[in-house]
Amino acid sequence: MTSMFSEQQEIVRRVESLFALADQLEARLAKAQAQVDKLTPSLLARAFAGKLVPQDPNDEPAAKLLERLRRRERPIL
């Protein structure tokens, strides 16, 4: 009888330990998700401002590129 009780106690101890680990992992995930949520708008803002990579002054301005693409897409009649 005692061996059965100690086996049950060991099972309970392991399950509680796994629940504690799951709680820690859940907290880490929530923290990481909060960091991602803050980072995403910041990255988008930097991307639209052209600050993610060094800018090449020899690159064609976006307005000219868009106009060239618009002309190319128009059907010739």
PDB file of N, CA and C in Angstrom:
ATOM      1  N   MET A   1       0.825  -1.198   0.000  1.00  0.00           N
ATOM      2  CA  MET A   1       0.000   0.000   0.000  1.00  0.00           C
ATOM      3  C   MET A   1       0.869   1.263   0.000  1.00  0.00           C
ATOM      4  N   THR A   2       1.934   1.248   0.754  1.00  0.00           N
ATOM      5  CA  THR A   2       2.806   2.415   0.864  1.00  0.00           C
ATOM      6  C   THR A   2       3.485   2.710  -0.467  1.00  0.00           C
ATOM      7  N   SER A   3       3.884   1.666  -1.164  1.00  0.00           N
ATOM      8  CA  SER A   3       4.551   1.870  -2.445  1.00  0.00           C
ATOM      9  C   SER A   3       3.590   2.497  -3.457  1.00  0.00           C
ATOM     10  N   MET A   4       2.324   2.117  -3.405  1.00  0.00           N
ATOM     11  CA  MET A   4       1.327   2.702  -4.283  1.00  0.00           C
ATOM     12  C   MET A   4       1.128   4.188  -3.961  1.00  0.00           C
ATOM     13  N   PHE A   5       1.087   4.517  -2.690  1.00  0.00           N
ATOM     14  CA  PHE A   5       0.909   5.900  -2.260  1.00  0.00           C
ATOM     15  C   PHE A   5       2.111   6.751  -2.672  1.00  0.00           C
ATOM     16  N   SER A   6       3.335   6.219  -2.493  1.00  0.00           N
ATOM     17  CA  SER A   6       4.501   6.996  -2.888  1.00  0.00           C
ATOM     18  C   SER A   6       4.575   7.158  -4.396  1.00  0.00           C
ATOM     19  N   GLU A   7       4.099   6.175  -5.130  1.00  0.00           N
ATOM     20  CA  GLU A   7       4.069   6.309  -6.591  1.00  0.00           C
ATOM     21  C   GLU A   7       3.081   7.405  -6.993  1.00  0.00           C
ATOM     22  N   GLN A   8       1.934   7.433  -6.337  1.00  0.00           N
ATOM     23  CA  GLN A   8       0.947   8.482  -6.610  1.00  0.00           C
ATOM     24  C   GLN A   8       1.513   9.853  -6.259  1.00  0.00           C
ATOM     25  N   GLN A   9       2.217   9.957  -5.148  1.00  0.00           N
ATOM     26  CA  GLN A   9       2.826  11.226  -4.755  1.00  0.00           C
ATOM     27  C   GLN A   9       3.842  11.683  -5.803  1.00  0.00           C
ATOM     28  N   GLU A  10       4.623  10.747  -6.328  1.00  0.00           N
ATOM     29  CA  GLU A  10       5.613  11.076  -7.351  1.00  0.00           C
ATOM     30  C   GLU A  10       4.928  11.562  -8.625  1.00  0.00           C
ATOM     31  N   ILE A  11       3.844  10.918  -8.988  1.00  0.00           N
ATOM     32  CA  ILE A  11       3.089  11.343 -10.175  1.00  0.00           C
ATOM     33  C   ILE A  11       2.558  12.754  -9.974  1.00  0.00           C
ATOM     34  N   VAL A  12       1.979  13.013  -8.803  1.00  0.00           N
ATOM     35  CA  VAL A  12       1.451  14.351  -8.500  1.00  0.00           C
ATOM     36  C   VAL A  12       2.572  15.382  -8.533  1.00  0.00           C
ATOM     37  N   ARG A  13       3.729  15.044  -7.974  1.00  0.00           N
ATOM     38  CA  ARG A  13       4.869  15.959  -7.961  1.00  0.00           C
ATOM     39  C   ARG A  13       5.307  16.286  -9.389  1.00  0.00           C
ATOM     40  N   ARG A  14       5.376  15.279 -10.249  1.00  0.00           N
ATOM     41  CA  ARG A  14       5.797  15.506 -11.632  1.00  0.00           C
ATOM     42  C   ARG A  14       4.771  16.332 -12.401  1.00  0.00           C
ATOM     43  N   VAL A  15       3.495  16.042 -12.187  1.00  0.00           N
ATOM     44  CA  VAL A  15       2.444  16.804 -12.872  1.00  0.00           C
ATOM     45  C   VAL A  15       2.488  18.266 -12.426  1.00  0.00           C
ATOM     46  N   GLU A  16       2.636  18.508 -11.135  1.00  0.00           N
ATOM     47  CA  GLU A  16       2.727  19.890 -10.638  1.00  0.00           C
ATOM     48  C   GLU A  16       3.943  20.598 -11.218  1.00  0.00           C
ATOM     49  N   SER A  17       5.043  19.877 -11.331  1.00  0.00           N
ATOM     50  CA  SER A  17       6.254  20.445 -11.916  1.00  0.00           C
ATOM     51  C   SER A  17       6.026  20.818 -13.381  1.00  0.00           C
ATOM     52  N   LEU A  18       5.345  19.960 -14.106  1.00  0.00           N
ATOM     53  CA  LEU A  18       5.054  20.253 -15.512  1.00  0.00           C
ATOM     54  C   LEU A  18       4.081  21.427 -15.657  1.00  0.00           C
ATOM     55  N   PHE A  19       3.110  21.518 -14.752  1.00  0.00           N
ATOM     56  CA  PHE A  19       2.203  22.672 -14.775  1.00  0.00           C
ATOM     57  C   PHE A  19       2.975  23.963 -14.506  1.00  0.00           C
ATOM     58  N   ALA A  20       3.912  23.930 -13.580  1.00  0.00           N
ATOM     59  CA  ALA A  20       4.726  25.113 -13.282  1.00  0.00           C
ATOM     60  C   ALA A  20       5.545  25.502 -14.505  1.00  0.00           C
ATOM     61  N   LEU A  21       6.124  24.518 -15.178  1.00  0.00           N
ATOM     62  CA  LEU A  21       6.883  24.794 -16.392  1.00  0.00           C
ATOM     63  C   LEU A  21       5.982  25.381 -17.474  1.00  0.00           C
ATOM     64  N   ALA A  22       4.792  24.840 -17.624  1.00  0.00           N
ATOM     65  CA  ALA A  22       3.844  25.363 -18.615  1.00  0.00           C
ATOM     66  C   ALA A  22       3.486  26.817 -18.303  1.00  0.00           C
ATOM     67  N   ASP A  23       3.315  27.141 -17.021  1.00  0.00           N
ATOM     68  CA  ASP A  23       3.019  28.524 -16.629  1.00  0.00           C
ATOM     69  C   ASP A  23       4.181  29.453 -16.992  1.00  0.00           C
ATOM     70  N   GLN A  24       5.403  29.000 -16.760  1.00  0.00           N
ATOM     71  CA  GLN A  24       6.586  29.810 -17.098  1.00  0.00           C
ATOM     72  C   GLN A  24       6.663  30.039 -18.607  1.00  0.00           C
ATOM     73  N   LEU A  25       6.419  28.987 -19.372  1.00  0.00           N
ATOM     74  CA  LEU A  25       6.467  29.114 -20.828  1.00  0.00           C
ATOM     75  C   LEU A  25       5.375  30.044 -21.341  1.00  0.00           C
ATOM     76  N   GLU A  26       4.203  29.955 -20.735  1.00  0.00           N
ATOM     77  CA  GLU A  26       3.101  30.835 -21.131  1.00  0.00           C
ATOM     78  C   GLU A  26       3.448  32.299 -20.851  1.00  0.00           C
ATOM     79  N   ALA A  27       4.084  32.560 -19.720  1.00  0.00           N
ATOM     80  CA  ALA A  27       4.490  33.931 -19.379  1.00  0.00           C
ATOM     81  C   ALA A  27       5.551  34.436 -20.359  1.00  0.00           C
ATOM     82  N   ARG A  28       6.504  33.577 -20.713  1.00  0.00           N
ATOM     83  CA  ARG A  28       7.537  33.974 -21.679  1.00  0.00           C
ATOM     84  C   ARG A  28       6.932  34.265 -23.044  1.00  0.00           C
ATOM     85  N   LEU A  29       5.966  33.452 -23.440  1.00  0.00           N
ATOM     86  CA  LEU A  29       5.296  33.664 -24.724  1.00  0.00           C
ATOM     87  C   LEU A  29       4.546  34.998 -24.721  1.00  0.00           C
ATOM     88  N   ALA A  30       3.845  35.290 -23.644  1.00  0.00           N
ATOM     89  CA  ALA A  30       3.094  36.549 -23.553  1.00  0.00           C
ATOM     90  C   ALA A  30       4.043  37.745 -23.630  1.00  0.00           C
ATOM     91  N   LYS A  31       5.182  37.642 -22.962  1.00  0.00           N
ATOM     92  CA  LYS A  31       6.171  38.730 -22.994  1.00  0.00           C
ATOM     93  C   LYS A  31       6.730  38.905 -24.401  1.00  0.00           C
ATOM     94  N   ALA A  32       7.057  37.797 -25.062  1.00  0.00           N
ATOM     95  CA  ALA A  32       7.588  37.863 -26.424  1.00  0.00           C
ATOM     96  C   ALA A  32       6.555  38.449 -27.381  1.00  0.00           C
ATOM     97  N   GLN A  33       5.292  38.062 -27.225  1.00  0.00           N
ATOM     98  CA  GLN A  33       4.233  38.578 -28.091  1.00  0.00           C
ATOM     99  C   GLN A  33       4.063  40.078 -27.897  1.00  0.00           C
ATOM    100  N   ALA A  34       4.162  40.539 -26.663  1.00  0.00           N
ATOM    101  CA  ALA A  34       4.052  41.976 -26.388  1.00  0.00           C
ATOM    102  C   ALA A  34       5.202  42.727 -27.051  1.00  0.00           C
ATOM    103  N   GLN A  35       6.398  42.148 -27.030  1.00  0.00           N
ATOM    104  CA  GLN A  35       7.545  42.787 -27.680  1.00  0.00           C
ATOM    105  C   GLN A  35       7.346  42.844 -29.196  1.00  0.00           C
ATOM    106  N   VAL A  36       6.827  41.775 -29.775  1.00  0.00           N
ATOM    107  CA  VAL A  36       6.563  41.749 -31.216  1.00  0.00           C
ATOM    108  C   VAL A  36       5.510  42.798 -31.573  1.00  0.00           C
ATOM    109  N   ASP A  37       4.474  42.896 -30.749  1.00  0.00           N
ATOM    110  CA  ASP A  37       3.413  43.868 -31.012  1.00  0.00           C
ATOM    111  C   ASP A  37       3.940  45.297 -31.002  1.00  0.00           C
ATOM    112  N   LYS A  38       4.928  45.580 -30.149  1.00  0.00           N
ATOM    113  CA  LYS A  38       5.525  46.920 -30.103  1.00  0.00           C
ATOM    114  C   LYS A  38       6.483  47.126 -31.273  1.00  0.00           C
ATOM    115  N   LEU A  39       7.179  46.084 -31.655  1.00  0.00           N
ATOM    116  CA  LEU A  39       8.196  46.184 -32.688  1.00  0.00           C
ATOM    117  C   LEU A  39       7.607  46.364 -34.075  1.00  0.00           C
ATOM    118  N   THR A  40       6.519  45.693 -34.381  1.00  0.00           N
ATOM    119  CA  THR A  40       5.945  45.719 -35.721  1.00  0.00           C
ATOM    120  C   THR A  40       5.615  47.136 -36.195  1.00  0.00           C
ATOM    121  N   PRO A  41       4.888  47.957 -35.436  1.00  0.00           N
ATOM    122  CA  PRO A  41       4.617  49.321 -35.909  1.00  0.00           C
ATOM    123  C   PRO A  41       5.901  50.132 -36.088  1.00  0.00           C
ATOM    124  N   SER A  42       6.856  49.913 -35.207  1.00  0.00           N
ATOM    125  CA  SER A  42       8.119  50.631 -35.305  1.00  0.00           C
ATOM    126  C   SER A  42       8.850  50.263 -36.599  1.00  0.00           C
ATOM    127  N   LEU A  43       8.873  48.979 -36.913  1.00  0.00           N
ATOM    128  CA  LEU A  43       9.530  48.539 -38.151  1.00  0.00           C
ATOM    129  C   LEU A  43       8.825  49.099 -39.379  1.00  0.00           C
ATOM    130  N   LEU A  44       7.501  49.076 -39.362  1.00  0.00           N
ATOM    131  CA  LEU A  44       6.757  49.614 -40.503  1.00  0.00           C
ATOM    132  C   LEU A  44       7.031  51.107 -40.674  1.00  0.00           C
ATOM    133  N   ALA A  45       7.063  51.833 -39.575  1.00  0.00           N
ATOM    134  CA  ALA A  45       7.336  53.271 -39.651  1.00  0.00           C
ATOM    135  C   ALA A  45       8.719  53.523 -40.239  1.00  0.00           C
ATOM    136  N   ARG A  46       9.699  52.767 -39.782  1.00  0.00           N
ATOM    137  CA  ARG A  46      11.060  52.927 -40.314  1.00  0.00           C
ATOM    138  C   ARG A  46      11.124  52.547 -41.787  1.00  0.00           C
ATOM    139  N   ALA A  47      10.409  51.503 -42.169  1.00  0.00           N
ATOM    140  CA  ALA A  47      10.416  51.062 -43.569  1.00  0.00           C
ATOM    141  C   ALA A  47       9.832  52.142 -44.474  1.00  0.00           C
ATOM    142  N   PHE A  48       8.696  52.707 -44.077  1.00  0.00           N
ATOM    143  CA  PHE A  48       8.069  53.737 -44.904  1.00  0.00           C
ATOM    144  C   PHE A  48       8.876  55.035 -44.930  1.00  0.00           C
ATOM    145  N   ALA A  49       9.691  55.244 -43.903  1.00  0.00           N
ATOM    146  CA  ALA A  49      10.540  56.434 -43.878  1.00  0.00           C
ATOM    147  C   ALA A  49      11.863  56.193 -44.596  1.00  0.00           C
ATOM    148  N   GLY A  50      12.074  54.960 -45.082  1.00  0.00           N
ATOM    149  CA  GLY A  50      13.313  54.650 -45.795  1.00  0.00           C
ATOM    150  C   GLY A  50      14.517  54.534 -44.889  1.00  0.00           C
ATOM    151  N   LYS A  51      14.297  54.126 -43.642  1.00  0.00           N
ATOM    152  CA  LYS A  51      15.389  54.084 -42.672  1.00  0.00           C
ATOM    153  C   LYS A  51      15.839  52.675 -42.293  1.00  0.00           C
ATOM    154  N   LEU A  52      15.346  51.653 -42.996  1.00  0.00           N
ATOM    155  CA  LEU A  52      15.756  50.292 -42.656  1.00  0.00           C
ATOM    156  C   LEU A  52      17.096  49.923 -43.291  1.00  0.00           C
ATOM    157  N   VAL A  53      17.337  50.438 -44.473  1.00  0.00           N
ATOM    158  CA  VAL A  53      18.594  50.159 -45.172  1.00  0.00           C
ATOM    159  C   VAL A  53      19.172  51.474 -45.672  1.00  0.00           C
ATOM    160  N   PRO A  54      20.465  51.505 -45.907  1.00  0.00           N
ATOM    161  CA  PRO A  54      21.058  52.735 -46.456  1.00  0.00           C
ATOM    162  C   PRO A  54      20.424  53.057 -47.813  1.00  0.00           C
ATOM    163  N   GLN A  55      20.165  54.321 -48.048  1.00  0.00           N
ATOM    164  CA  GLN A  55      19.546  54.748 -49.291  1.00  0.00           C
ATOM    165  C   GLN A  55      20.617  55.092 -50.320  1.00  0.00           C
ATOM    166  N   ASP A  56      20.401  54.669 -51.554  1.00  0.00           N
ATOM    167  CA  ASP A  56      21.319  54.950 -52.653  1.00  0.00           C
ATOM    168  C   ASP A  56      20.825  56.201 -53.366  1.00  0.00           C
ATOM    169  N   PRO A  57      21.605  57.273 -53.336  1.00  0.00           N
ATOM    170  CA  PRO A  57      21.151  58.512 -53.988  1.00  0.00           C
ATOM    171  C   PRO A  57      20.999  58.360 -55.498  1.00  0.00           C
ATOM    172  N   ASN A  58      21.567  57.309 -56.088  1.00  0.00           N
ATOM    173  CA  ASN A  58      21.447  57.085 -57.530  1.00  0.00           C
ATOM    174  C   ASN A  58      20.166  56.345 -57.898  1.00  0.00           C
ATOM    175  N   ASP A  59      19.423  55.856 -56.902  1.00  0.00           N
ATOM    176  CA  ASP A  59      18.164  55.165 -57.180  1.00  0.00           C
ATOM    177  C   ASP A  59      17.141  56.137 -57.755  1.00  0.00           C
ATOM    178  N   GLU A  60      16.315  55.594 -58.645  1.00  0.00           N
ATOM    179  CA  GLU A  60      15.236  56.374 -59.234  1.00  0.00           C
ATOM    180  C   GLU A  60      14.217  56.733 -58.160  1.00  0.00           C
ATOM    181  N   PRO A  61      13.753  57.978 -58.114  1.00  0.00           N
ATOM    182  CA  PRO A  61      12.722  58.336 -57.124  1.00  0.00           C
ATOM    183  C   PRO A  61      11.461  57.481 -57.321  1.00  0.00           C
ATOM    184  N   ALA A  62      10.790  57.206 -56.249  1.00  0.00           N
ATOM    185  CA  ALA A  62       9.600  56.355 -56.281  1.00  0.00           C
ATOM    186  C   ALA A  62       8.524  56.922 -57.199  1.00  0.00           C
ATOM    187  N   ALA A  63       8.356  58.237 -57.215  1.00  0.00           N
ATOM    188  CA  ALA A  63       7.325  58.855 -58.059  1.00  0.00           C
ATOM    189  C   ALA A  63       7.593  58.559 -59.536  1.00  0.00           C
ATOM    190  N   LYS A  64       8.860  58.632 -59.946  1.00  0.00           N
ATOM    191  CA  LYS A  64       9.195  58.344 -61.348  1.00  0.00           C
ATOM    192  C   LYS A  64       8.967  56.868 -61.665  1.00  0.00           C
ATOM    193  N   LEU A  65       9.341  56.007 -60.752  1.00  0.00           N
ATOM    194  CA  LEU A  65       9.141  54.575 -60.957  1.00  0.00           C
ATOM    195  C   LEU A  65       7.648  54.260 -61.098  1.00  0.00           C
ATOM    196  N   LEU A  66       6.823  54.825 -60.218  1.00  0.00           N
ATOM    197  CA  LEU A  66       5.378  54.592 -60.296  1.00  0.00           C
ATOM    198  C   LEU A  66       4.795  55.089 -61.610  1.00  0.00           C
ATOM    199  N   GLU A  67       5.242  56.262 -62.057  1.00  0.00           N
ATOM    200  CA  GLU A  67       4.745  56.805 -63.319  1.00  0.00           C
ATOM    201  C   GLU A  67       5.149  55.906 -64.486  1.00  0.00           C
ATOM    202  N   ARG A  68       6.382  55.410 -64.462  1.00  0.00           N
ATOM    203  CA  ARG A  68       6.858  54.512 -65.514  1.00  0.00           C
ATOM    204  C   ARG A  68       6.030  53.221 -65.523  1.00  0.00           C
ATOM    205  N   LEU A  69       5.724  52.701 -64.353  1.00  0.00           N
ATOM    206  CA  LEU A  69       4.905  51.486 -64.262  1.00  0.00           C
ATOM    207  C   LEU A  69       3.485  51.737 -64.749  1.00  0.00           C
ATOM    208  N   ARG A  70       2.946  52.894 -64.431  1.00  0.00           N
ATOM    209  CA  ARG A  70       1.584  53.217 -64.889  1.00  0.00           C
ATOM    210  C   ARG A  70       1.529  53.285 -66.413  1.00  0.00           C
ATOM    211  N   ARG A  71       2.523  53.896 -67.000  1.00  0.00           N
ATOM    212  CA  ARG A  71       2.550  54.007 -68.471  1.00  0.00           C
ATOM    213  C   ARG A  71       2.679  52.616 -69.097  1.00  0.00           C
ATOM    214  N   ARG A  72       3.442  51.757 -68.499  1.00  0.00           N
ATOM    215  CA  ARG A  72       3.662  50.423 -69.032  1.00  0.00           C
ATOM    216  C   ARG A  72       2.389  49.581 -68.968  1.00  0.00           C
ATOM    217  N   GLU A  73       1.552  49.799 -67.941  1.00  0.00           N
ATOM    218  CA  GLU A  73       0.358  48.988 -67.740  1.00  0.00           C
ATOM    219  C   GLU A  73      -0.818  49.433 -68.618  1.00  0.00           C
ATOM    220  N   ARG A  74      -0.766  50.641 -69.150  1.00  0.00           N
ATOM    221  CA  ARG A  74      -1.874  51.118 -69.978  1.00  0.00           C
ATOM    222  C   ARG A  74      -1.909  50.368 -71.301  1.00  0.00           C
ATOM    223  N   PRO A  75      -3.082  49.923 -71.692  1.00  0.00           N
ATOM    224  CA  PRO A  75      -3.161  49.232 -73.009  1.00  0.00           C
ATOM    225  C   PRO A  75      -2.960  50.224 -74.143  1.00  0.00           C
ATOM    226  N   ILE A  76      -2.279  49.793 -75.178  1.00  0.00           N
ATOM    227  CA  ILE A  76      -2.051  50.627 -76.343  1.00  0.00           C
ATOM    228  C   ILE A  76      -3.201  50.407 -77.309  1.00  0.00           C
ATOM    229  N   LEU A  77      -3.939  51.457 -77.639  1.00  0.00           N
ATOM    230  CA  LEU A  77      -5.086  51.348 -78.548  1.00  0.00           C
ATOM    231  C   LEU A  77      -4.809  52.026 -79.852  1.00  0.00           C
TER     232      LEU A  77
END
